[in-house]
Amino acid sequence: MLSVLAVTFPFFALVLAGYLAARRRMLPFEAIAGLNTFVLFFALPCMLYRFGASTPIAQMLDPVAMGVWLACALLVVAGTVKFSMNERIRWNDASFGALVAAFPNTGFMGVPLLVALLGAQAAGPAILTILIDLVITSSLCIALSRLDGADEHGASTAAKKALKGVALNPMPWAILLGGLSSALAWKPVAPVMNTIGLLADAASPVALFTIGAVLARSQFVAAQGVQGTLPARDFVPVSLTKLVLHPLLVWGLGMAVRAAGAPLDPFTLQVMVLVAALPSASNVSLLAERFGADTGRIARIILLTTAAAFLTFSAAVALLKG
């Protein structure tokens, strides 16, 4: 366990550093958007491209792994929405709660952390989950969030907007371009590849620092709008779903699929279980704010899962590697 903590500690320490820097206003809130832009449009796409280009294309397009991950994501979304709905939490808030329960922080945290723990071969299965969560899981939850509206076409319109957002997101395109480079055994000329390498190397530390800063800003913004104390039942069960139920579901379904004779590689399953054990994606708070959901609830879920994951994720690694 101590050897696992030695690897995971620096990653969570950088998140904490970003959180404290923003909370103490050493990093102005206005500067966080610039950090996000650098990570999302420059550093992270280069990192994903580099991993994608060095990963066998079959590993990134494993249909059995894709089926297991998608089925678990849909189950988590459906279960979380059903459990969360009450007189205060309707479709909008329930849907974004389901998204933080099913969408791990794979891009900003998971890929570099899993590569550090398991080696470069862990990038392929992790990248596969990013594609599914960006294209299907997030689009589905955004569409469900519109069911509160009077407009019967609200959900379909929201789904189209979500897919448009995916098309403008550089991460899926970087993954696809990396996969194409892998399939064609092609890579850019040395000066271009060296530039990509410099940006890719910057992705992990800046992304982790930015996660902490985003969490601090989300908490501050939420505190300005929340009236009264948020009941623990509104965010603790969703946090437990993300950190405990989601990885157990992926592990259980994966083992059942393997027992049925499907060709699911044990290492791929291990990586997917650890991806599911990651904290919630921090960018969901921005989506929740944009669509008018309860940002206080979403921010608390993300903050709680990120803080608790230092122990729960490390424990999952120790169990699977043991």
C-alpha atoms as a PDB file:
ATOM      1  CA  MET A   1       0.000   0.000   0.000  1.00  0.00           C
ATOM      2  CA  LEU A   2       2.834   2.404   0.832  1.00  0.00           C
ATOM      3  CA  SER A   3       4.386   1.830  -2.586  1.00  0.00           C
ATOM      4  CA  VAL A   4       1.041   2.715  -4.213  1.00  0.00           C
ATOM      5  CA  LEU A   5       0.670   5.856  -2.083  1.00  0.00           C
ATOM      6  CA  ALA A   6       4.188   6.888  -3.103  1.00  0.00           C
ATOM      7  CA  VAL A   7       2.935   7.042  -6.713  1.00  0.00           C
ATOM      8  CA  THR A   8      -0.535   8.511  -6.088  1.00  0.00           C
ATOM      9  CA  PHE A   9       0.482  11.109  -3.489  1.00  0.00           C
ATOM     10  CA  PRO A  10       2.152  13.587  -5.918  1.00  0.00           C
ATOM     11  CA  PHE A  11      -0.905  13.554  -8.186  1.00  0.00           C
ATOM     12  CA  PHE A  12      -3.336  14.402  -5.389  1.00  0.00           C
ATOM     13  CA  ALA A  13      -0.823  16.829  -3.857  1.00  0.00           C
ATOM     14  CA  LEU A  14      -0.868  18.853  -7.087  1.00  0.00           C
ATOM     15  CA  VAL A  15      -4.679  18.937  -6.968  1.00  0.00           C
ATOM     16  CA  LEU A  16      -4.480  20.198  -3.383  1.00  0.00           C
ATOM     17  CA  ALA A  17      -1.908  22.817  -4.389  1.00  0.00           C
ATOM     18  CA  GLY A  18      -4.222  24.151  -7.087  1.00  0.00           C
ATOM     19  CA  TYR A  19      -7.156  24.153  -4.680  1.00  0.00           C
ATOM     20  CA  LEU A  20      -5.256  26.113  -2.014  1.00  0.00           C
ATOM     21  CA  ALA A  21      -3.792  28.538  -4.562  1.00  0.00           C
ATOM     22  CA  ALA A  22      -7.250  29.444  -5.852  1.00  0.00           C
ATOM     23  CA  ARG A  23      -8.935  29.400  -2.452  1.00  0.00           C
ATOM     24  CA  ARG A  24      -6.322  31.793  -1.031  1.00  0.00           C
ATOM     25  CA  ARG A  25      -6.543  33.875  -4.231  1.00  0.00           C
ATOM     26  CA  MET A  26      -2.854  33.387  -4.979  1.00  0.00           C
ATOM     27  CA  LEU A  27      -4.300  32.301  -8.322  1.00  0.00           C
ATOM     28  CA  PRO A  28      -7.118  34.680  -9.333  1.00  0.00           C
ATOM     29  CA  PHE A  29     -10.317  32.971 -10.412  1.00  0.00           C
ATOM     30  CA  GLU A  30     -10.067  34.875 -13.691  1.00  0.00           C
ATOM     31  CA  ALA A  31      -6.821  33.060 -14.485  1.00  0.00           C
ATOM     32  CA  ILE A  32      -8.369  29.590 -14.198  1.00  0.00           C
ATOM     33  CA  ALA A  33     -10.010  29.907 -17.602  1.00  0.00           C
ATOM     34  CA  GLY A  34      -6.572  30.434 -19.151  1.00  0.00           C
ATOM     35  CA  LEU A  35      -5.188  27.323 -17.446  1.00  0.00           C
ATOM     36  CA  ASN A  36      -8.201  25.351 -18.636  1.00  0.00           C
ATOM     37  CA  THR A  37      -7.672  26.584 -22.195  1.00  0.00           C
ATOM     38  CA  PHE A  38      -4.009  25.597 -22.158  1.00  0.00           C
ATOM     39  CA  VAL A  39      -4.766  22.114 -20.832  1.00  0.00           C
ATOM     40  CA  LEU A  40      -7.861  21.406 -22.929  1.00  0.00           C
ATOM     41  CA  PHE A  41      -6.733  22.806 -26.284  1.00  0.00           C
ATOM     42  CA  PHE A  42      -2.956  22.371 -26.196  1.00  0.00           C
ATOM     43  CA  ALA A  43      -1.322  20.116 -23.594  1.00  0.00           C
ATOM     44  CA  LEU A  44      -3.926  17.382 -23.086  1.00  0.00           C
ATOM     45  CA  PRO A  45      -4.618  16.760 -26.803  1.00  0.00           C
ATOM     46  CA  CYS A  46      -0.876  16.372 -27.357  1.00  0.00           C
ATOM     47  CA  MET A  47      -0.628  13.897 -24.490  1.00  0.00           C
ATOM     48  CA  LEU A  48      -3.600  11.887 -25.773  1.00  0.00           C
ATOM     49  CA  TYR A  49      -2.245  11.958 -29.316  1.00  0.00           C
ATOM     50  CA  ARG A  50       1.134  10.687 -28.149  1.00  0.00           C
ATOM     51  CA  PHE A  51      -0.395   7.834 -26.166  1.00  0.00           C
ATOM     52  CA  GLY A  52      -2.832   7.032 -28.967  1.00  0.00           C
ATOM     53  CA  ALA A  53      -0.073   6.955 -31.563  1.00  0.00           C
ATOM     54  CA  SER A  54       1.940   4.501 -29.466  1.00  0.00           C
ATOM     55  CA  THR A  55      -1.001   2.215 -28.625  1.00  0.00           C
ATOM     56  CA  PRO A  56      -2.132  -0.623 -30.921  1.00  0.00           C
ATOM     57  CA  ILE A  57      -5.353   0.454 -32.609  1.00  0.00           C
ATOM     58  CA  ALA A  58      -7.072  -2.831 -31.686  1.00  0.00           C
ATOM     59  CA  GLN A  59      -6.612  -2.036 -28.007  1.00  0.00           C
ATOM     60  CA  MET A  60      -8.395   1.313 -28.373  1.00  0.00           C
ATOM     61  CA  LEU A  61     -11.266  -0.228 -30.351  1.00  0.00           C
ATOM     62  CA  ASP A  62     -11.817  -3.364 -28.258  1.00  0.00           C
ATOM     63  CA  PRO A  63     -15.570  -4.032 -28.741  1.00  0.00           C
ATOM     64  CA  VAL A  64     -15.919  -6.189 -25.617  1.00  0.00           C
ATOM     65  CA  ALA A  65     -14.255  -3.559 -23.423  1.00  0.00           C
ATOM     66  CA  MET A  66     -16.397  -0.848 -25.003  1.00  0.00           C
ATOM     67  CA  GLY A  67     -19.553  -2.865 -24.349  1.00  0.00           C
ATOM     68  CA  VAL A  68     -18.679  -3.487 -20.697  1.00  0.00           C
ATOM     69  CA  TRP A  69     -17.816   0.168 -20.032  1.00  0.00           C
ATOM     70  CA  LEU A  70     -20.902   1.523 -21.813  1.00  0.00           C
ATOM     71  CA  ALA A  71     -23.263  -0.930 -20.099  1.00  0.00           C
ATOM     72  CA  CYS A  72     -21.898   0.021 -16.667  1.00  0.00           C
ATOM     73  CA  ALA A  73     -22.122   3.738 -17.458  1.00  0.00           C
ATOM     74  CA  LEU A  74     -25.772   3.370 -18.508  1.00  0.00           C
ATOM     75  CA  LEU A  75     -26.582   1.369 -15.378  1.00  0.00           C
ATOM     76  CA  VAL A  76     -24.943   3.982 -13.146  1.00  0.00           C
ATOM     77  CA  VAL A  77     -26.781   6.821 -14.900  1.00  0.00           C
ATOM     78  CA  ALA A  78     -30.157   5.063 -14.699  1.00  0.00           C
ATOM     79  CA  GLY A  79     -29.695   4.002 -11.076  1.00  0.00           C
ATOM     80  CA  THR A  80     -28.445   7.402  -9.920  1.00  0.00           C
ATOM     81  CA  VAL A  81     -31.280   9.291 -11.622  1.00  0.00           C
ATOM     82  CA  LYS A  82     -33.896   6.942 -10.135  1.00  0.00           C
ATOM     83  CA  PHE A  83     -32.378   7.092  -6.638  1.00  0.00           C
ATOM     84  CA  SER A  84     -31.865  10.876  -6.663  1.00  0.00           C
ATOM     85  CA  MET A  85     -35.266  12.048  -7.872  1.00  0.00           C
ATOM     86  CA  ASN A  86     -37.438  13.607  -5.166  1.00  0.00           C
ATOM     87  CA  GLU A  87     -39.513  16.738  -4.565  1.00  0.00           C
ATOM     88  CA  ARG A  88     -36.360  18.926  -4.665  1.00  0.00           C
ATOM     89  CA  ILE A  89     -34.187  17.094  -7.213  1.00  0.00           C
ATOM     90  CA  ARG A  90     -35.824  16.849 -10.603  1.00  0.00           C
ATOM     91  CA  TRP A  91     -34.483  15.793 -14.005  1.00  0.00           C
ATOM     92  CA  ASN A  92     -31.930  18.591 -14.387  1.00  0.00           C
ATOM     93  CA  ASP A  93     -30.184  18.095 -11.046  1.00  0.00           C
ATOM     94  CA  ALA A  94     -30.603  14.302 -11.094  1.00  0.00           C
ATOM     95  CA  SER A  95     -29.065  14.026 -14.571  1.00  0.00           C
ATOM     96  CA  PHE A  96     -25.950  16.007 -13.732  1.00  0.00           C
ATOM     97  CA  GLY A  97     -25.638  14.058 -10.486  1.00  0.00           C
ATOM     98  CA  ALA A  98     -25.748  10.904 -12.609  1.00  0.00           C
ATOM     99  CA  LEU A  99     -23.057  12.331 -14.883  1.00  0.00           C
ATOM    100  CA  VAL A 100     -20.627  12.908 -12.001  1.00  0.00           C
ATOM    101  CA  ALA A 101     -21.409   9.380 -10.788  1.00  0.00           C
ATOM    102  CA  ALA A 102     -20.571   7.814 -14.169  1.00  0.00           C
ATOM    103  CA  PHE A 103     -17.921  10.146 -15.653  1.00  0.00           C
ATOM    104  CA  PRO A 104     -14.453   9.743 -14.077  1.00  0.00           C
ATOM    105  CA  ASN A 105     -11.734  12.386 -14.315  1.00  0.00           C
ATOM    106  CA  THR A 106      -9.880  10.249 -16.853  1.00  0.00           C
ATOM    107  CA  GLY A 107      -8.417  12.906 -19.129  1.00  0.00           C
ATOM    108  CA  PHE A 108      -7.050  15.366 -16.577  1.00  0.00           C
ATOM    109  CA  MET A 109      -6.024  12.782 -13.958  1.00  0.00           C
ATOM    110  CA  GLY A 110      -6.596   9.169 -14.971  1.00  0.00           C
ATOM    111  CA  VAL A 111      -4.369   8.686 -18.007  1.00  0.00           C
ATOM    112  CA  PRO A 112      -1.132  10.074 -16.468  1.00  0.00           C
ATOM    113  CA  LEU A 113      -1.851   8.431 -13.106  1.00  0.00           C
ATOM    114  CA  LEU A 114      -2.567   4.997 -14.567  1.00  0.00           C
ATOM    115  CA  VAL A 115       0.470   5.182 -16.854  1.00  0.00           C
ATOM    116  CA  ALA A 116       2.610   6.015 -13.816  1.00  0.00           C
ATOM    117  CA  LEU A 117       1.151   3.047 -11.927  1.00  0.00           C
ATOM    118  CA  LEU A 118       0.816   0.388 -14.629  1.00  0.00           C
ATOM    119  CA  GLY A 119       2.972   1.495 -17.550  1.00  0.00           C
ATOM    120  CA  ALA A 120       2.272   3.003 -20.972  1.00  0.00           C
ATOM    121  CA  GLN A 121       0.068   0.045 -21.989  1.00  0.00           C
ATOM    122  CA  ALA A 122      -2.606   1.349 -19.577  1.00  0.00           C
ATOM    123  CA  ALA A 123      -3.254   4.327 -21.860  1.00  0.00           C
ATOM    124  CA  GLY A 124      -5.211   2.334 -24.463  1.00  0.00           C
ATOM    125  CA  PRO A 125      -8.106   1.113 -22.262  1.00  0.00           C
ATOM    126  CA  ALA A 126      -8.242   4.472 -20.469  1.00  0.00           C
ATOM    127  CA  ILE A 127      -8.510   6.361 -23.770  1.00  0.00           C
ATOM    128  CA  LEU A 128     -11.294   3.996 -24.860  1.00  0.00           C
ATOM    129  CA  THR A 129     -13.345   5.005 -21.810  1.00  0.00           C
ATOM    130  CA  ILE A 130     -12.801   8.716 -22.533  1.00  0.00           C
ATOM    131  CA  LEU A 131     -14.328   8.367 -25.989  1.00  0.00           C
ATOM    132  CA  ILE A 132     -17.434   6.625 -24.634  1.00  0.00           C
ATOM    133  CA  ASP A 133     -17.919   9.101 -21.785  1.00  0.00           C
ATOM    134  CA  LEU A 134     -17.433  12.161 -23.974  1.00  0.00           C
ATOM    135  CA  VAL A 135     -19.618  11.016 -26.866  1.00  0.00           C
ATOM    136  CA  ILE A 136     -22.357   8.919 -25.227  1.00  0.00           C
ATOM    137  CA  THR A 137     -22.537   9.305 -21.437  1.00  0.00           C
ATOM    138  CA  SER A 138     -22.298  13.099 -21.307  1.00  0.00           C
ATOM    139  CA  SER A 139     -24.634  13.570 -24.280  1.00  0.00           C
ATOM    140  CA  LEU A 140     -27.226  11.255 -22.718  1.00  0.00           C
ATOM    141  CA  CYS A 141     -27.143  13.049 -19.350  1.00  0.00           C
ATOM    142  CA  ILE A 142     -27.417  16.486 -20.956  1.00  0.00           C
ATOM    143  CA  ALA A 143     -30.422  15.278 -22.958  1.00  0.00           C
ATOM    144  CA  LEU A 144     -32.051  13.828 -19.823  1.00  0.00           C
ATOM    145  CA  SER A 145     -31.489  17.109 -17.985  1.00  0.00           C
ATOM    146  CA  ARG A 146     -33.833  18.866 -20.417  1.00  0.00           C
ATOM    147  CA  LEU A 147     -36.829  16.651 -19.560  1.00  0.00           C
ATOM    148  CA  ASP A 148     -37.932  19.200 -16.947  1.00  0.00           C
ATOM    149  CA  GLY A 149     -38.679  21.720 -19.711  1.00  0.00           C
ATOM    150  CA  ALA A 150     -42.060  22.269 -21.233  1.00  0.00           C
ATOM    151  CA  ASP A 151     -40.649  21.989 -24.738  1.00  0.00           C
ATOM    152  CA  GLU A 152     -41.126  18.406 -25.855  1.00  0.00           C
ATOM    153  CA  HIS A 153     -38.110  18.802 -28.146  1.00  0.00           C
ATOM    154  CA  GLY A 154     -35.896  19.965 -25.280  1.00  0.00           C
ATOM    155  CA  ALA A 155     -34.130  16.635 -24.858  1.00  0.00           C
ATOM    156  CA  SER A 156     -33.419  16.127 -28.554  1.00  0.00           C
ATOM    157  CA  THR A 157     -32.210  19.716 -28.925  1.00  0.00           C
ATOM    158  CA  ALA A 158     -29.948  19.314 -25.897  1.00  0.00           C
ATOM    159  CA  ALA A 159     -28.564  16.056 -27.299  1.00  0.00           C
ATOM    160  CA  LYS A 160     -27.711  17.791 -30.560  1.00  0.00           C
ATOM    161  CA  LYS A 161     -25.997  20.620 -28.695  1.00  0.00           C
ATOM    162  CA  ALA A 162     -24.080  18.084 -26.609  1.00  0.00           C
ATOM    163  CA  LEU A 163     -22.871  16.278 -29.728  1.00  0.00           C
ATOM    164  CA  LYS A 164     -21.870  19.618 -31.230  1.00  0.00           C
ATOM    165  CA  GLY A 165     -19.869  20.275 -28.080  1.00  0.00           C
ATOM    166  CA  VAL A 166     -18.152  16.899 -28.502  1.00  0.00           C
ATOM    167  CA  ALA A 167     -17.292  17.809 -32.099  1.00  0.00           C
ATOM    168  CA  LEU A 168     -15.644  21.026 -30.887  1.00  0.00           C
ATOM    169  CA  ASN A 169     -13.768  19.264 -28.078  1.00  0.00           C
ATOM    170  CA  PRO A 170     -10.162  18.607 -29.173  1.00  0.00           C
ATOM    171  CA  MET A 171      -9.727  15.500 -26.998  1.00  0.00           C
ATOM    172  CA  PRO A 172     -11.701  13.016 -29.140  1.00  0.00           C
ATOM    173  CA  TRP A 173     -10.023  14.343 -32.282  1.00  0.00           C
ATOM    174  CA  ALA A 174      -6.577  13.967 -30.697  1.00  0.00           C
ATOM    175  CA  ILE A 175      -7.430  10.385 -29.758  1.00  0.00           C
ATOM    176  CA  LEU A 176      -8.715   9.595 -33.253  1.00  0.00           C
ATOM    177  CA  LEU A 177      -5.677  11.201 -34.878  1.00  0.00           C
ATOM    178  CA  GLY A 178      -3.385   9.240 -32.584  1.00  0.00           C
ATOM    179  CA  GLY A 179      -5.229   6.032 -33.429  1.00  0.00           C
ATOM    180  CA  LEU A 180      -4.886   6.800 -37.130  1.00  0.00           C
ATOM    181  CA  SER A 181      -1.157   7.393 -36.702  1.00  0.00           C
ATOM    182  CA  SER A 182      -0.903   4.072 -34.874  1.00  0.00           C
ATOM    183  CA  ALA A 183      -2.848   2.204 -37.563  1.00  0.00           C
ATOM    184  CA  LEU A 184      -0.747   3.705 -40.381  1.00  0.00           C
ATOM    185  CA  ALA A 185       2.548   3.471 -38.440  1.00  0.00           C
ATOM    186  CA  TRP A 186       3.079   7.161 -39.183  1.00  0.00           C
ATOM    187  CA  LYS A 187       4.354  10.000 -37.027  1.00  0.00           C
ATOM    188  CA  PRO A 188       5.113  13.699 -37.602  1.00  0.00           C
ATOM    189  CA  VAL A 189       8.607  14.926 -38.480  1.00  0.00           C
ATOM    190  CA  ALA A 190      11.016  15.276 -35.567  1.00  0.00           C
ATOM    191  CA  PRO A 191      10.606  19.042 -34.878  1.00  0.00           C
ATOM    192  CA  VAL A 192       6.821  18.731 -34.796  1.00  0.00           C
ATOM    193  CA  MET A 193       6.950  15.588 -32.657  1.00  0.00           C
ATOM    194  CA  ASN A 194       9.331  17.297 -30.220  1.00  0.00           C
ATOM    195  CA  THR A 195       6.892  20.198 -29.896  1.00  0.00           C
ATOM    196  CA  ILE A 196       4.056  17.754 -29.243  1.00  0.00           C
ATOM    197  CA  GLY A 197       6.249  16.062 -26.650  1.00  0.00           C
ATOM    198  CA  LEU A 198       6.914  19.334 -24.780  1.00  0.00           C
ATOM    199  CA  LEU A 199       3.212  20.134 -24.600  1.00  0.00           C
ATOM    200  CA  ALA A 200       2.358  16.539 -23.639  1.00  0.00           C
ATOM    201  CA  ASP A 201       4.873  16.626 -20.777  1.00  0.00           C
ATOM    202  CA  ALA A 202       3.207  19.767 -19.432  1.00  0.00           C
ATOM    203  CA  ALA A 203      -0.287  18.233 -19.491  1.00  0.00           C
ATOM    204  CA  SER A 204      -0.187  16.202 -16.294  1.00  0.00           C
ATOM    205  CA  PRO A 205       1.094  18.775 -13.748  1.00  0.00           C
ATOM    206  CA  VAL A 206      -0.901  21.685 -15.177  1.00  0.00           C
ATOM    207  CA  ALA A 207      -4.079  19.597 -15.486  1.00  0.00           C
ATOM    208  CA  LEU A 208      -3.859  18.381 -11.897  1.00  0.00           C
ATOM    209  CA  PHE A 209      -3.206  21.907 -10.593  1.00  0.00           C
ATOM    210  CA  THR A 210      -6.144  23.141 -12.671  1.00  0.00           C
ATOM    211  CA  ILE A 211      -8.467  20.477 -11.217  1.00  0.00           C
ATOM    212  CA  GLY A 212      -7.816  21.866  -7.744  1.00  0.00           C
ATOM    213  CA  ALA A 213      -8.328  25.452  -8.898  1.00  0.00           C
ATOM    214  CA  VAL A 214     -11.596  24.548 -10.640  1.00  0.00           C
ATOM    215  CA  LEU A 215     -12.833  22.796  -7.490  1.00  0.00           C
ATOM    216  CA  ALA A 216     -12.060  25.864  -5.362  1.00  0.00           C
ATOM    217  CA  ARG A 217     -13.848  28.159  -7.809  1.00  0.00           C
ATOM    218  CA  SER A 218     -16.840  25.823  -8.092  1.00  0.00           C
ATOM    219  CA  GLN A 219     -17.126  25.668  -4.319  1.00  0.00           C
ATOM    220  CA  PHE A 220     -16.989  29.463  -4.078  1.00  0.00           C
ATOM    221  CA  VAL A 221     -19.587  29.985  -6.831  1.00  0.00           C
ATOM    222  CA  ALA A 222     -21.865  27.355  -5.320  1.00  0.00           C
ATOM    223  CA  ALA A 223     -21.624  28.952  -1.880  1.00  0.00           C
ATOM    224  CA  GLN A 224     -22.937  32.217  -3.322  1.00  0.00           C
ATOM    225  CA  GLY A 225     -26.112  30.583  -4.616  1.00  0.00           C
ATOM    226  CA  VAL A 226     -27.006  27.816  -2.153  1.00  0.00           C
ATOM    227  CA  GLN A 227     -29.626  28.704   0.432  1.00  0.00           C
ATOM    228  CA  GLY A 228     -29.311  26.730   3.637  1.00  0.00           C
ATOM    229  CA  THR A 229     -27.419  23.537   4.289  1.00  0.00           C
ATOM    230  CA  LEU A 230     -27.339  20.889   1.587  1.00  0.00           C
ATOM    231  CA  PRO A 231     -28.522  17.549   3.061  1.00  0.00           C
ATOM    232  CA  ALA A 232     -25.858  14.840   3.055  1.00  0.00           C
ATOM    233  CA  ARG A 233     -28.283  12.450   1.347  1.00  0.00           C
ATOM    234  CA  ASP A 234     -28.202  14.711  -1.713  1.00  0.00           C
ATOM    235  CA  PHE A 235     -24.486  14.212  -2.398  1.00  0.00           C
ATOM    236  CA  VAL A 236     -22.926  11.470  -0.237  1.00  0.00           C
ATOM    237  CA  PRO A 237     -24.715   8.500  -1.917  1.00  0.00           C
ATOM    238  CA  VAL A 238     -23.712   9.771  -5.366  1.00  0.00           C
ATOM    239  CA  SER A 239     -20.107  10.118  -4.187  1.00  0.00           C
ATOM    240  CA  LEU A 240     -20.154   6.545  -2.883  1.00  0.00           C
ATOM    241  CA  THR A 241     -21.645   5.386  -6.184  1.00  0.00           C
ATOM    242  CA  LYS A 242     -18.731   6.964  -8.053  1.00  0.00           C
ATOM    243  CA  LEU A 243     -15.944   5.665  -5.818  1.00  0.00           C
ATOM    244  CA  VAL A 244     -17.320   2.260  -4.777  1.00  0.00           C
ATOM    245  CA  LEU A 245     -20.304   1.072  -6.795  1.00  0.00           C
ATOM    246  CA  HIS A 246     -19.024   2.090 -10.245  1.00  0.00           C
ATOM    247  CA  PRO A 247     -15.701   0.181 -10.007  1.00  0.00           C
ATOM    248  CA  LEU A 248     -17.421  -2.829  -8.426  1.00  0.00           C
ATOM    249  CA  LEU A 249     -19.959  -2.835 -11.257  1.00  0.00           C
ATOM    250  CA  VAL A 250     -17.230  -2.723 -13.917  1.00  0.00           C
ATOM    251  CA  TRP A 251     -15.318  -5.491 -12.162  1.00  0.00           C
ATOM    252  CA  GLY A 252     -18.425  -7.674 -11.718  1.00  0.00           C
ATOM    253  CA  LEU A 253     -19.676  -7.289 -15.288  1.00  0.00           C
ATOM    254  CA  GLY A 254     -16.164  -7.724 -16.662  1.00  0.00           C
ATOM    255  CA  MET A 255     -15.667 -10.950 -14.734  1.00  0.00           C
ATOM    256  CA  ALA A 256     -19.078 -12.211 -15.866  1.00  0.00           C
ATOM    257  CA  VAL A 257     -18.220 -11.451 -19.487  1.00  0.00           C
ATOM    258  CA  ARG A 258     -14.888 -13.266 -19.149  1.00  0.00           C
ATOM    259  CA  ALA A 259     -16.624 -16.251 -17.522  1.00  0.00           C
ATOM    260  CA  ALA A 260     -19.002 -16.357 -20.490  1.00  0.00           C
ATOM    261  CA  GLY A 261     -16.001 -16.758 -22.796  1.00  0.00           C
ATOM    262  CA  ALA A 262     -15.774 -13.240 -24.238  1.00  0.00           C
ATOM    263  CA  PRO A 263     -12.205 -12.138 -25.101  1.00  0.00           C
ATOM    264  CA  LEU A 264     -11.699  -9.453 -22.451  1.00  0.00           C
ATOM    265  CA  ASP A 265      -8.034  -9.103 -21.516  1.00  0.00           C
ATOM    266  CA  PRO A 266      -7.445  -9.214 -17.714  1.00  0.00           C
ATOM    267  CA  PHE A 267      -5.134  -6.190 -17.873  1.00  0.00           C
ATOM    268  CA  THR A 268      -7.737  -4.182 -19.822  1.00  0.00           C
ATOM    269  CA  LEU A 269     -10.347  -5.038 -17.192  1.00  0.00           C
ATOM    270  CA  GLN A 270      -7.955  -4.003 -14.431  1.00  0.00           C
ATOM    271  CA  VAL A 271      -7.391  -0.623 -16.063  1.00  0.00           C
ATOM    272  CA  MET A 272     -11.136  -0.061 -16.574  1.00  0.00           C
ATOM    273  CA  VAL A 273     -11.879  -0.880 -12.921  1.00  0.00           C
ATOM    274  CA  LEU A 274      -9.267   1.664 -11.822  1.00  0.00           C
ATOM    275  CA  VAL A 275     -10.656   4.256 -14.244  1.00  0.00           C
ATOM    276  CA  ALA A 276     -14.074   3.727 -12.669  1.00  0.00           C
ATOM    277  CA  ALA A 277     -12.494   4.210  -9.224  1.00  0.00           C
ATOM    278  CA  LEU A 278     -11.245   7.696 -10.168  1.00  0.00           C
ATOM    279  CA  PRO A 279     -12.996  10.784  -8.758  1.00  0.00           C
ATOM    280  CA  SER A 280     -15.681  12.575 -10.733  1.00  0.00           C
ATOM    281  CA  ALA A 281     -14.736  14.689 -13.753  1.00  0.00           C
ATOM    282  CA  SER A 282     -14.221  18.281 -12.620  1.00  0.00           C
ATOM    283  CA  ASN A 283     -15.544  19.795 -15.858  1.00  0.00           C
ATOM    284  CA  VAL A 284     -19.072  18.567 -15.049  1.00  0.00           C
ATOM    285  CA  SER A 285     -19.419  21.531 -12.664  1.00  0.00           C
ATOM    286  CA  LEU A 286     -19.000  23.866 -15.647  1.00  0.00           C
ATOM    287  CA  LEU A 287     -21.679  21.968 -17.590  1.00  0.00           C
ATOM    288  CA  ALA A 288     -24.015  22.052 -14.603  1.00  0.00           C
ATOM    289  CA  GLU A 289     -23.564  25.805 -14.293  1.00  0.00           C
ATOM    290  CA  ARG A 290     -24.229  26.285 -18.010  1.00  0.00           C
ATOM    291  CA  PHE A 291     -27.472  24.275 -17.897  1.00  0.00           C
ATOM    292  CA  GLY A 292     -28.764  25.762 -14.653  1.00  0.00           C
ATOM    293  CA  ALA A 293     -28.355  22.718 -12.422  1.00  0.00           C
ATOM    294  CA  ASP A 294     -27.558  22.858  -8.691  1.00  0.00           C
ATOM    295  CA  THR A 295     -23.841  23.663  -8.876  1.00  0.00           C
ATOM    296  CA  GLY A 296     -23.530  23.455  -5.096  1.00  0.00           C
ATOM    297  CA  ARG A 297     -24.550  19.803  -5.113  1.00  0.00           C
ATOM    298  CA  ILE A 298     -22.340  18.948  -8.090  1.00  0.00           C
ATOM    299  CA  ALA A 299     -19.352  20.796  -6.624  1.00  0.00           C
ATOM    300  CA  ARG A 300     -19.686  18.922  -3.337  1.00  0.00           C
ATOM    301  CA  ILE A 301     -19.822  15.559  -5.083  1.00  0.00           C
ATOM    302  CA  ILE A 302     -16.713  16.355  -7.138  1.00  0.00           C
ATOM    303  CA  LEU A 303     -14.849  17.749  -4.131  1.00  0.00           C
ATOM    304  CA  LEU A 304     -15.771  14.794  -1.903  1.00  0.00           C
ATOM    305  CA  THR A 305     -14.841  12.179  -4.501  1.00  0.00           C
ATOM    306  CA  THR A 306     -11.541  13.926  -5.255  1.00  0.00           C
ATOM    307  CA  ALA A 307     -10.575  14.146  -1.582  1.00  0.00           C
ATOM    308  CA  ALA A 308     -11.689  10.606  -0.717  1.00  0.00           C
ATOM    309  CA  ALA A 309     -10.155   9.058  -3.839  1.00  0.00           C
ATOM    310  CA  PHE A 310      -6.672   9.536  -2.425  1.00  0.00           C
ATOM    311  CA  LEU A 311      -7.484   6.623  -0.112  1.00  0.00           C
ATOM    312  CA  THR A 312     -10.167   4.726  -2.038  1.00  0.00           C
ATOM    313  CA  PHE A 313      -8.330   4.771  -5.377  1.00  0.00           C
ATOM    314  CA  SER A 314      -5.039   3.825  -3.721  1.00  0.00           C
ATOM    315  CA  ALA A 315      -6.826   0.960  -1.952  1.00  0.00           C
ATOM    316  CA  ALA A 316      -8.308  -0.235  -5.258  1.00  0.00           C
ATOM    317  CA  VAL A 317      -4.845  -0.221  -6.839  1.00  0.00           C
ATOM    318  CA  ALA A 318      -3.386  -2.179  -3.926  1.00  0.00           C
ATOM    319  CA  LEU A 319      -6.202  -4.760  -4.088  1.00  0.00           C
ATOM    320  CA  LEU A 320      -5.975  -5.283  -7.851  1.00  0.00           C
ATOM    321  CA  LYS A 321      -2.193  -5.396  -7.951  1.00  0.00           C
ATOM    322  CA  GLY A 322      -2.022  -7.608  -4.882  1.00  0.00           C
END
